[in-house]
Amino acid sequence: MTALLRVEDLRVQVQSRRGTSYPVDGVSFDIERGETVGVVGESGSGKSLTAMSIIQLLPTRAVSMVGGRILLGEDDMATFDAKHMRDVRGRRIGTIFQEPMTALNPAFTVGYQIAEPLRRHLRLSRKAAKARVQELLETVGIHRADEIAASYPHHLSGGMRQRVMIAIAMSCEPDLLIADEPTTALDVTTQAQILDLMNDLQERHGMGILLVTHDLGVVAQSCDRVVVMRRGNVVERGDVNPLFAAPQHPYTQALLESMPARNVGKDRLPVVAEGGLAR
C-alpha cells in the first residue's frame, strides 16, 4: 500500500552571511492513513522546518528545499508549482500553526477566516459557508457559534484560538493534518482537551496526523510512532511504547531522562549535552 505521506531524504538549505548550512539534512519518514506520527527534538533540531517544507511554506527566500522527495499518495509535491500547492494546502493538507495569535489575521473575524477555505476549495456559497462555519465551531467544542464567528482573534482566549485554528485546518476534511506545537503555551487542562479533540477528529475522518512537538508527554499520549530529530538528522524512530521503554540512541535517552516527571525531588534537571546526558 502507498503511504499517505512519504518524506524521502529531505534536505533544506539556509544561505546566510556565514555561509551555507543544512538544518534539515536527509530526513525520511512516512505516515499512514489514520496514524499519528510525532516528530520530537530540542529547539533548533529541524522539526518545524521539516513540517513547513512539506507544505512549501519555508520562512524566507534564503531557506530552500534542495534535495529529497515529498510524496502525498503517489504525487511528488516537490514538483508542484505555487498554484498547485495553494490547491493542496487546506484541501488535502490542513495545518495547525505554532502560534494561533500570529497565524490568525487580526483584521478579519474568526468566521470569515474559517469560511475562506470553504469558499475557495469547496466553492460553497456565502450562506452555505456560514452554516458550515457554525457546524465546525460546534465540532471543535465552541458554543455560542454565532457570537464567536463574529469575534476577532484578540477577543478569544488561547485555547479558543487554538480550537479556531483546528476548525480552519479541518474545514475541508483533509487527508493529512500537520500540527506544529499545537499545545504550546496552553495550560494542562486545555492541552488535554485539544489533544482529545484532535484524536476524536482523526477517528471520525481517518486522516493521518504529523505532530511536531518538544513535549514527550504529548507524544506518549497521542502518537503511534515517533521520529527523534537532532541537528537536522533523524537519530531514532519507532513505535512509541517500545522506543520510550528502551531507547537506543544516547540523545533519545537524554531527552527522556530530562523530563521533569522523572526528576521529582531532585535539586536540578539533567542537561542534554553532546553525545548524551550531562549531570
Protein backbone atom coordinates (compact mmCIF):
# COMPACT_ATOMS: atom_id res chain seq x y z
CA MET A 1 0.00 0.00 0.00
CA THR A 2 1.10 3.55 -0.73
CA ALA A 3 1.68 5.62 2.39
CA LEU A 4 -0.48 8.71 2.84
CA LEU A 5 2.70 10.81 3.17
CA ARG A 6 6.28 9.76 2.48
CA VAL A 7 9.23 12.05 3.10
CA GLU A 8 12.42 10.72 1.48
CA ASP A 9 15.89 12.11 2.20
CA LEU A 10 14.64 15.68 2.68
CA ARG A 11 17.34 18.37 2.69
CA VAL A 12 16.76 22.05 3.46
CA GLN A 13 19.47 24.63 2.81
CA VAL A 14 19.95 28.01 4.50
CA GLN A 15 22.11 30.68 2.88
CA SER A 16 23.49 33.35 5.23
CA ARG A 17 26.47 35.65 5.63
CA ARG A 18 28.19 32.87 7.50
CA GLY A 19 27.80 30.51 4.55
CA THR A 20 25.59 27.54 3.75
CA SER A 21 24.06 25.21 6.33
CA TYR A 22 21.61 22.32 6.25
CA PRO A 23 19.21 22.48 9.23
CA VAL A 24 17.32 19.53 7.73
CA ASP A 25 19.75 17.02 6.29
CA GLY A 26 18.46 13.68 4.96
CA VAL A 27 15.20 13.30 6.90
CA SER A 28 12.92 10.38 5.96
CA PHE A 29 9.67 9.06 7.44
CA ASP A 30 6.16 8.09 6.37
CA ILE A 31 2.62 8.39 7.70
CA GLU A 32 -0.25 6.01 7.05
CA ARG A 33 -3.90 7.00 6.94
CA GLY A 34 -5.36 7.05 10.47
CA GLU A 35 -1.89 7.14 12.06
CA THR A 36 -0.28 9.82 14.22
CA VAL A 37 3.48 10.27 13.88
CA GLY A 38 5.28 12.55 16.31
CA VAL A 39 8.45 14.45 15.42
CA VAL A 40 10.37 15.41 18.57
CA GLY A 41 13.63 17.09 19.45
CA GLU A 42 15.01 20.17 21.15
CA SER A 43 14.55 23.67 19.71
CA GLY A 44 16.58 24.06 16.52
CA SER A 45 16.55 20.37 15.66
CA GLY A 46 14.71 20.99 12.37
CA LYS A 47 11.21 19.82 13.36
CA SER A 48 9.23 22.84 12.17
CA LEU A 49 11.37 23.32 9.05
CA THR A 50 10.58 19.74 8.11
CA ALA A 51 6.86 20.36 8.56
CA MET A 52 6.90 23.65 6.65
CA SER A 53 8.90 22.05 3.82
CA ILE A 54 6.04 19.61 3.27
CA ILE A 55 3.60 22.43 2.53
CA GLN A 56 6.24 24.68 0.88
CA LEU A 57 5.96 27.46 3.44
CA LEU A 58 9.61 27.93 4.31
CA PRO A 59 10.15 31.26 6.11
CA THR A 60 12.40 33.24 3.74
CA ARG A 61 13.97 33.09 0.28
CA ALA A 62 17.25 32.17 1.94
CA VAL A 63 15.70 28.87 3.06
CA SER A 64 15.01 26.30 0.35
CA MET A 65 14.45 22.61 -0.20
CA VAL A 66 17.43 21.30 -2.16
CA GLY A 67 17.00 17.54 -2.06
CA GLY A 68 14.67 14.63 -1.50
CA ARG A 69 11.06 13.87 -2.32
CA ILE A 70 7.78 14.53 -0.54
CA LEU A 71 5.07 12.16 -1.74
CA LEU A 72 1.39 12.75 -0.94
CA GLY A 73 -0.03 9.44 -2.02
CA GLU A 74 1.65 9.00 -5.39
CA ASP A 75 2.08 12.73 -6.07
CA ASP A 76 5.55 14.26 -5.65
CA MET A 77 4.80 17.64 -4.05
CA ALA A 78 8.35 18.85 -4.62
CA THR A 79 7.37 19.22 -8.30
CA PHE A 80 4.21 21.26 -7.59
CA ASP A 81 4.16 24.90 -8.62
CA ALA A 82 2.74 27.65 -6.37
CA LYS A 83 -0.79 27.39 -7.79
CA HIS A 84 -0.90 23.63 -7.32
CA MET A 85 0.33 23.96 -3.73
CA ARG A 86 -2.40 26.51 -2.96
CA ASP A 87 -4.89 23.86 -4.06
CA VAL A 88 -3.25 21.27 -1.80
CA ARG A 89 -2.93 23.46 1.31
CA GLY A 90 -6.22 23.47 3.16
CA ARG A 91 -7.84 20.90 0.86
CA ARG A 92 -5.63 17.81 1.10
CA ILE A 93 -3.37 19.01 3.92
CA GLY A 94 -4.62 21.03 6.90
CA THR A 95 -2.16 22.84 9.16
CA ILE A 96 -2.34 23.97 12.78
CA PHE A 97 0.39 26.57 13.07
CA GLN A 98 2.56 27.01 16.13
CA GLU A 99 1.08 30.26 17.48
CA PRO A 100 -2.58 30.95 16.63
CA MET A 101 -2.38 34.60 17.68
CA THR A 102 0.10 35.30 14.87
CA ALA A 103 -1.31 32.72 12.42
CA LEU A 104 -4.81 34.23 12.56
CA ASN A 105 -5.33 37.55 10.79
CA PRO A 106 -6.28 40.23 13.34
CA ALA A 107 -8.14 42.26 10.69
CA PHE A 108 -10.78 39.62 9.93
CA THR A 109 -13.38 37.90 12.07
CA VAL A 110 -12.98 34.28 13.07
CA GLY A 111 -15.97 33.30 10.94
CA TYR A 112 -14.51 34.94 7.84
CA GLN A 113 -11.23 33.07 8.28
CA ILE A 114 -12.91 29.69 8.73
CA ALA A 115 -15.15 30.32 5.73
CA GLU A 116 -12.28 31.32 3.42
CA PRO A 117 -11.03 27.78 2.61
CA LEU A 118 -14.62 26.55 2.34
CA ARG A 119 -15.39 29.10 -0.35
CA ARG A 120 -12.07 28.67 -2.15
CA HIS A 121 -11.71 24.90 -2.16
CA LEU A 122 -15.30 23.65 -1.90
CA ARG A 123 -16.93 26.58 -3.77
CA LEU A 124 -19.62 26.94 -1.12
CA SER A 125 -22.00 29.86 -1.30
CA ARG A 126 -21.81 32.56 1.35
CA LYS A 127 -24.90 31.14 3.05
CA ALA A 128 -23.68 27.53 2.95
CA ALA A 129 -20.24 28.56 4.22
CA LYS A 130 -21.79 30.44 7.14
CA ALA A 131 -23.79 27.35 8.14
CA ARG A 132 -20.68 25.18 7.84
CA VAL A 133 -18.67 27.62 9.99
CA GLN A 134 -21.19 27.25 12.82
CA GLU A 135 -21.07 23.47 12.48
CA LEU A 136 -17.26 23.45 12.60
CA LEU A 137 -17.16 25.68 15.67
CA GLU A 138 -19.53 23.36 17.47
CA THR A 139 -17.49 20.33 16.34
CA VAL A 140 -14.35 21.76 17.98
CA GLY A 141 -16.22 22.42 21.21
CA ILE A 142 -17.03 26.12 20.84
CA HIS A 143 -20.52 27.06 21.91
CA ARG A 144 -22.29 30.33 21.06
CA ALA A 145 -21.08 29.79 17.49
CA ASP A 146 -22.78 32.91 16.09
CA GLU A 147 -21.11 35.15 18.66
CA ILE A 148 -17.68 33.57 18.30
CA ALA A 149 -17.82 33.65 14.48
CA ALA A 150 -18.37 37.41 14.65
CA SER A 151 -15.42 37.89 17.03
CA TYR A 152 -11.86 38.86 16.19
CA PRO A 153 -8.91 36.68 17.31
CA HIS A 154 -7.87 39.06 20.10
CA HIS A 155 -11.30 38.65 21.69
CA LEU A 156 -10.65 34.95 22.35
CA SER A 157 -8.55 33.03 24.88
CA GLY A 158 -5.53 30.97 23.81
CA GLY A 159 -7.50 27.73 23.98
CA MET A 160 -10.34 29.21 21.92
CA ARG A 161 -7.93 30.49 19.27
CA GLN A 162 -6.35 27.05 19.07
CA ARG A 163 -9.78 25.50 18.53
CA VAL A 164 -10.44 28.03 15.78
CA MET A 165 -7.15 27.02 14.13
CA ILE A 166 -8.25 23.38 14.27
CA ALA A 167 -11.61 24.32 12.74
CA ILE A 168 -9.81 26.05 9.85
CA ALA A 169 -7.44 23.10 9.38
CA MET A 170 -10.33 20.61 9.41
CA SER A 171 -12.78 22.68 7.37
CA CYS A 172 -12.25 20.79 4.10
CA GLU A 173 -11.73 17.38 5.77
CA PRO A 174 -8.09 16.96 4.64
CA ASP A 175 -6.28 13.64 4.30
CA LEU A 176 -3.35 14.87 6.41
CA LEU A 177 -3.20 17.22 9.38
CA ILE A 178 0.11 18.87 10.28
CA ALA A 179 0.06 20.12 13.88
CA ASP A 180 3.10 22.25 14.74
CA GLU A 181 3.33 22.55 18.55
CA PRO A 182 -0.49 22.63 18.90
CA THR A 183 -0.41 22.74 22.72
CA THR A 184 2.39 25.27 23.28
CA ALA A 185 1.56 27.98 25.87
CA LEU A 186 -1.71 26.28 26.85
CA ASP A 187 -2.48 25.21 30.40
CA VAL A 188 -2.51 21.48 31.16
CA THR A 189 -6.30 21.14 31.12
CA THR A 190 -6.62 22.92 27.77
CA GLN A 191 -3.75 20.86 26.35
CA ALA A 192 -5.60 17.66 27.19
CA GLN A 193 -8.80 18.99 25.62
CA ILE A 194 -7.00 19.95 22.39
CA LEU A 195 -5.31 16.55 22.11
CA ASP A 196 -8.58 14.73 22.77
CA LEU A 197 -10.26 16.87 20.12
CA MET A 198 -7.59 16.05 17.53
CA ASN A 199 -7.85 12.33 18.30
CA ASP A 200 -11.64 12.47 18.03
CA LEU A 201 -11.49 14.25 14.67
CA GLN A 202 -8.94 11.72 13.43
CA GLU A 203 -11.24 8.83 14.33
CA ARG A 204 -14.14 10.49 12.51
CA HIS A 205 -12.25 11.33 9.31
CA GLY A 206 -9.48 8.72 9.19
CA MET A 207 -6.81 11.32 8.48
CA GLY A 208 -3.11 10.98 9.20
CA ILE A 209 -1.51 13.41 11.66
CA LEU A 210 2.04 14.75 11.77
CA LEU A 211 2.52 16.10 15.29
CA VAL A 212 5.56 18.35 15.76
CA THR A 213 6.40 18.89 19.42
CA HIS A 214 9.16 19.08 22.01
CA ASP A 215 6.82 17.60 24.64
CA LEU A 216 7.50 13.89 25.06
CA GLY A 217 4.44 13.56 27.29
CA VAL A 218 2.24 14.69 24.40
CA VAL A 219 3.92 12.13 22.13
CA ALA A 220 3.36 9.33 24.65
CA GLN A 221 -0.31 10.27 24.95
CA SER A 222 -1.16 10.86 21.29
CA CYS A 223 1.23 9.20 18.83
CA ASP A 224 1.55 5.74 17.28
CA ARG A 225 5.13 6.23 16.10
CA VAL A 226 7.84 8.78 16.87
CA VAL A 227 10.74 10.29 14.92
CA VAL A 228 13.53 11.79 17.06
CA MET A 229 15.49 14.63 15.43
CA ARG A 230 18.76 16.27 16.40
CA ARG A 231 20.64 18.88 14.37
CA GLY A 232 18.61 18.20 11.24
CA ASN A 233 19.01 14.42 11.33
CA VAL A 234 16.79 11.55 12.41
CA VAL A 235 18.67 9.77 15.20
CA GLU A 236 15.98 7.24 16.14
CA ARG A 237 12.49 6.17 15.11
CA GLY A 238 9.97 3.53 16.05
CA ASP A 239 6.68 2.69 17.74
CA VAL A 240 6.13 4.94 20.73
CA ASN A 241 5.82 2.43 23.57
CA PRO A 242 8.85 0.23 22.71
CA LEU A 243 11.02 3.27 21.94
CA PHE A 244 10.14 5.05 25.16
CA ALA A 245 10.63 1.85 27.16
CA ALA A 246 14.06 1.08 25.69
CA PRO A 247 15.54 3.98 23.68
CA GLN A 248 18.70 3.01 21.83
CA HIS A 249 20.27 6.35 20.93
CA PRO A 250 22.03 8.35 23.70
CA TYR A 251 20.22 11.51 22.62
CA THR A 252 16.78 9.88 22.94
CA GLN A 253 17.81 8.51 26.34
CA ALA A 254 18.90 12.01 27.37
CA LEU A 255 15.62 13.58 26.25
CA LEU A 256 13.60 11.07 28.24
CA GLU A 257 15.77 11.45 31.33
CA SER A 258 15.36 15.23 31.15
CA MET A 259 11.58 15.05 31.57
CA PRO A 260 10.54 16.76 34.83
CA ALA A 261 8.31 13.82 35.78
CA ARG A 262 11.42 11.62 36.00
CA ASN A 263 13.23 14.10 38.24
CA VAL A 264 10.75 14.77 41.04
CA GLY A 265 12.59 15.64 44.25
CA LYS A 266 15.93 16.27 42.57
CA ASP A 267 17.72 19.58 43.04
CA ARG A 268 18.32 20.09 39.33
CA LEU A 269 17.35 18.58 35.99
CA PRO A 270 19.93 16.73 33.91
CA VAL A 271 21.19 18.59 30.83
CA VAL A 272 21.16 17.19 27.29
CA ALA A 273 24.73 17.51 26.02
CA GLU A 274 26.74 16.29 23.06
CA GLY A 275 26.50 12.51 22.86
CA GLY A 276 24.08 12.05 25.74
CA LEU A 277 23.31 13.26 29.23
CA ALA A 278 25.42 15.61 31.35
CA ARG A 279 24.66 15.60 35.07
